[in-house]
Amino acid sequence: MNALSQRYQASLVCAAAALTAASCGYSLVGHGSNIPSHVRTVYVERVDVGDGDIRTGDDVARNLREELRRNGRFRPVKSRAGADAVLSVTLVQDRVTSTGFDEFDEALSYDTFFIANARLEDADGHTLWSREKIGLMRNHAAVAETVVTSSSSFQANERLDPSDLAEFDGVQVGENRRAVARTRLTQGLAREIYVSMTEDF
């Protein structure tokens, strides 16, 4: 591995550490408030992804509504008119970086980073809760040889049978792993936002 690759990997380690701290609540910027008990219905706005993939924003919003519905503290509604509060999310960063390399400097794995800001406002536009820089990261393989099919995570969360990997070419493996990583990230981001909003740390 050349010196440039080593410096690049070192910078990624720093970025990963920062994101890990953010997801644990240590570097979040913003404020929380005790959400009034009368706030029961929440409208989830379409997630602002800037120039990013609209489908990612739609997935985050859908998962947020599922979190609200599953946990029962709030009830998601289909319009602002029927909402006690409005939840808005901005995905400020959606980045993929290569992390592992072979002897030819070809990527073996990637990290996908999500960083988002979220805000809950009442019907009059007053902020009830907000949080910035909610960060998540997930690593995914680029080639079949780096997929650890014996891991508990793979066996618990994957619908893909390990034998199916043998039928994929290199591009298909990479695309499959990337899609799975993004699905997990949209679910994880929704969960982080809900927990932060309700636990008020």
Protein backbone atom coordinates (compact mmCIF):
# COMPACT_ATOMS: atom_id res chain seq x y z
CA MET A 1 0.00 0.00 0.00
CA ASN A 2 1.44 3.37 -0.91
CA ALA A 3 1.85 6.35 1.43
CA LEU A 4 -1.14 8.14 -0.06
CA SER A 5 -3.42 5.18 0.69
CA GLN A 6 -2.08 5.00 4.25
CA ARG A 7 -2.75 8.71 4.85
CA TYR A 8 -6.21 8.32 3.34
CA GLN A 9 -7.05 5.39 5.61
CA ALA A 10 -5.79 7.31 8.65
CA SER A 11 -8.15 10.18 7.84
CA LEU A 12 -11.02 7.74 7.53
CA VAL A 13 -10.27 6.29 10.96
CA CYS A 14 -10.57 9.79 12.42
CA ALA A 15 -13.83 10.38 10.60
CA ALA A 16 -15.20 7.05 11.80
CA ALA A 17 -14.26 7.85 15.38
CA ALA A 18 -16.05 11.18 15.16
CA LEU A 19 -19.17 9.56 13.79
CA THR A 20 -19.11 6.86 16.44
CA ALA A 21 -18.99 9.52 19.13
CA ALA A 22 -21.83 11.38 17.46
CA SER A 23 -24.07 8.32 17.37
CA CYS A 24 -23.40 7.75 21.09
CA GLY A 25 -24.49 11.28 21.90
CA TYR A 26 -21.16 12.84 22.82
CA SER A 27 -20.72 15.29 19.95
CA LEU A 28 -24.31 16.12 19.12
CA VAL A 29 -25.00 19.81 18.78
CA GLY A 30 -28.47 21.10 19.55
CA HIS A 31 -31.01 21.10 22.32
CA GLY A 32 -33.73 18.90 23.58
CA SER A 33 -36.86 19.76 25.51
CA ASN A 34 -39.51 17.80 27.31
CA ILE A 35 -42.11 17.32 24.61
CA PRO A 36 -45.55 18.23 26.03
CA SER A 37 -47.81 15.29 26.75
CA HIS A 38 -50.57 16.68 24.54
CA VAL A 39 -48.33 16.16 21.49
CA ARG A 40 -49.60 12.83 20.20
CA THR A 41 -49.78 13.07 16.41
CA VAL A 42 -46.71 13.78 14.28
CA TYR A 43 -46.41 14.56 10.60
CA VAL A 44 -43.08 13.44 9.10
CA GLU A 45 -42.03 15.82 6.36
CA ARG A 46 -40.24 14.61 3.27
CA VAL A 47 -36.57 14.31 4.18
CA ASP A 48 -34.38 16.99 2.65
CA VAL A 49 -31.45 15.28 0.90
CA GLY A 50 -30.18 18.31 -1.04
CA ASP A 51 -28.59 17.00 -4.22
CA GLY A 52 -28.63 13.43 -2.88
CA ASP A 53 -30.79 10.43 -3.72
CA ILE A 54 -34.48 11.19 -3.11
CA ARG A 55 -35.11 7.48 -2.56
CA THR A 56 -32.84 7.55 0.48
CA GLY A 57 -34.86 10.38 1.95
CA ASP A 58 -38.09 8.51 1.27
CA ASP A 59 -36.68 5.43 3.02
CA VAL A 60 -35.67 7.45 6.09
CA ALA A 61 -39.12 9.07 6.28
CA ARG A 62 -40.87 5.71 5.93
CA ASN A 63 -38.73 4.21 8.68
CA LEU A 64 -39.42 7.20 10.92
CA ARG A 65 -43.16 6.67 10.54
CA GLU A 66 -42.67 2.99 11.37
CA GLU A 67 -40.68 3.91 14.50
CA LEU A 68 -43.44 6.25 15.64
CA ARG A 69 -46.11 3.66 14.97
CA ARG A 70 -44.22 0.78 16.60
CA ASN A 71 -43.28 2.59 19.80
CA GLY A 72 -46.67 4.14 20.47
CA ARG A 73 -45.62 7.42 22.12
CA PHE A 74 -46.69 9.29 18.97
CA ARG A 75 -48.97 8.49 16.05
CA PRO A 76 -47.85 9.38 12.52
CA VAL A 77 -50.42 11.23 10.42
CA LYS A 78 -50.62 11.92 6.69
CA SER A 79 -50.87 15.72 6.72
CA ARG A 80 -49.87 18.79 8.70
CA ALA A 81 -53.54 19.59 9.24
CA GLY A 82 -54.01 16.63 11.55
CA ALA A 83 -50.70 16.93 13.38
CA ASP A 84 -49.81 18.24 16.82
CA ALA A 85 -46.19 18.47 15.67
CA VAL A 86 -44.07 18.27 12.52
CA LEU A 87 -40.82 16.31 12.33
CA SER A 88 -38.34 17.52 9.71
CA VAL A 89 -35.02 15.89 8.86
CA THR A 90 -32.15 17.10 6.69
CA LEU A 91 -29.58 14.59 5.50
CA VAL A 92 -26.52 16.81 5.46
CA GLN A 93 -24.06 14.11 4.49
CA ASP A 94 -24.38 10.88 2.51
CA ARG A 95 -20.88 9.71 1.63
CA VAL A 96 -19.27 6.46 0.54
CA THR A 97 -15.52 5.94 0.93
CA SER A 98 -13.31 2.98 0.15
CA THR A 99 -11.55 1.57 3.21
CA GLY A 100 -9.88 -1.77 2.52
CA PHE A 101 -7.51 -2.37 -0.39
CA ASP A 102 -5.73 -5.32 -1.95
CA GLU A 103 -2.15 -5.39 -3.18
CA PHE A 104 -3.25 -3.65 -6.37
CA ASP A 105 -4.97 -0.83 -4.44
CA GLU A 106 -8.38 -2.12 -5.53
CA ALA A 107 -11.13 -1.51 -2.98
CA LEU A 108 -12.19 -4.50 -0.89
CA SER A 109 -14.71 -2.68 1.30
CA TYR A 110 -16.48 0.63 1.73
CA ASP A 111 -17.85 2.78 4.54
CA THR A 112 -21.13 4.63 4.06
CA PHE A 113 -21.67 7.67 6.27
CA PHE A 114 -24.97 9.38 7.09
CA ILE A 115 -25.13 12.64 9.06
CA ALA A 116 -28.49 14.29 9.69
CA ASN A 117 -30.12 17.20 11.50
CA ALA A 118 -33.64 16.78 12.90
CA ARG A 119 -36.25 19.10 14.37
CA LEU A 120 -39.70 18.71 15.91
CA GLU A 121 -41.96 21.78 15.84
CA ASP A 122 -45.46 22.35 17.13
CA ALA A 123 -48.34 23.59 14.95
CA ASP A 124 -47.28 27.20 15.57
CA GLY A 125 -43.70 26.59 14.44
CA HIS A 126 -42.13 26.57 17.91
CA THR A 127 -39.26 24.14 18.34
CA LEU A 128 -40.06 21.33 20.76
CA TRP A 129 -36.86 19.36 20.15
CA SER A 130 -33.88 19.52 17.81
CA ARG A 131 -30.64 17.69 17.28
CA GLU A 132 -27.77 18.21 14.86
CA LYS A 133 -25.06 15.95 13.51
CA ILE A 134 -26.68 12.61 14.21
CA GLY A 135 -24.08 10.35 12.61
CA LEU A 136 -24.08 6.72 11.56
CA MET A 137 -21.59 4.62 9.62
CA ARG A 138 -21.77 1.13 8.14
CA ASN A 139 -19.06 -0.92 6.46
CA HIS A 140 -19.84 -3.20 3.53
CA ALA A 141 -17.82 -5.54 1.40
CA ALA A 142 -16.98 -4.91 -2.23
CA VAL A 143 -16.04 -8.50 -3.12
CA ALA A 144 -17.38 -11.89 -2.05
CA GLU A 145 -14.11 -12.87 -0.33
CA THR A 146 -14.57 -10.13 2.30
CA VAL A 147 -18.17 -11.04 3.22
CA VAL A 148 -18.05 -12.82 6.59
CA THR A 149 -21.03 -15.15 6.21
CA SER A 150 -20.27 -16.90 9.50
CA SER A 151 -20.75 -13.71 11.51
CA SER A 152 -23.76 -13.44 13.82
CA SER A 153 -24.74 -10.18 12.12
CA PHE A 154 -24.89 -11.80 8.68
CA GLN A 155 -26.79 -14.83 9.90
CA ALA A 156 -29.29 -12.78 11.91
CA ASN A 157 -30.00 -9.99 9.44
CA GLU A 158 -29.47 -11.36 5.93
CA ARG A 159 -32.00 -13.00 3.67
CA LEU A 160 -29.22 -13.86 1.27
CA ASP A 161 -27.99 -17.44 1.52
CA PRO A 162 -24.18 -17.67 1.62
CA SER A 163 -24.25 -20.07 -1.34
CA ASP A 164 -25.88 -17.33 -3.43
CA LEU A 165 -22.71 -15.26 -3.25
CA ALA A 166 -20.97 -17.80 -5.47
CA GLU A 167 -23.47 -16.97 -8.21
CA PHE A 168 -22.71 -13.24 -8.10
CA ASP A 169 -19.99 -11.56 -10.10
CA GLY A 170 -17.86 -8.84 -8.50
CA VAL A 171 -20.19 -6.02 -9.49
CA GLN A 172 -23.27 -7.83 -8.20
CA VAL A 173 -21.64 -8.54 -4.84
CA GLY A 174 -20.68 -4.90 -4.43
CA GLU A 175 -24.14 -3.64 -5.39
CA ASN A 176 -25.88 -6.13 -3.11
CA ARG A 177 -23.71 -5.23 -0.12
CA ARG A 178 -24.14 -1.51 -0.82
CA ALA A 179 -27.93 -1.84 -0.99
CA VAL A 180 -28.06 -3.82 2.26
CA ALA A 181 -25.82 -1.28 4.02
CA ARG A 182 -28.02 1.63 2.94
CA THR A 183 -31.16 -0.18 4.05
CA ARG A 184 -29.65 -0.78 7.48
CA LEU A 185 -28.49 2.84 7.68
CA THR A 186 -31.91 4.30 6.89
CA GLN A 187 -33.42 2.06 9.56
CA GLY A 188 -30.67 2.95 12.02
CA LEU A 189 -30.95 6.68 11.39
CA ALA A 190 -34.71 6.61 11.99
CA ARG A 191 -34.12 4.74 15.23
CA GLU A 192 -31.42 7.18 16.38
CA ILE A 193 -33.70 10.16 15.71
CA TYR A 194 -36.60 8.59 17.59
CA VAL A 195 -34.49 7.60 20.59
CA SER A 196 -32.87 11.02 20.76
CA MET A 197 -36.26 12.74 20.53
CA THR A 198 -37.92 10.62 23.22
CA GLU A 199 -35.05 10.12 25.65
CA ASP A 200 -34.13 13.82 25.54
CA PHE A 201 -30.43 13.42 26.29
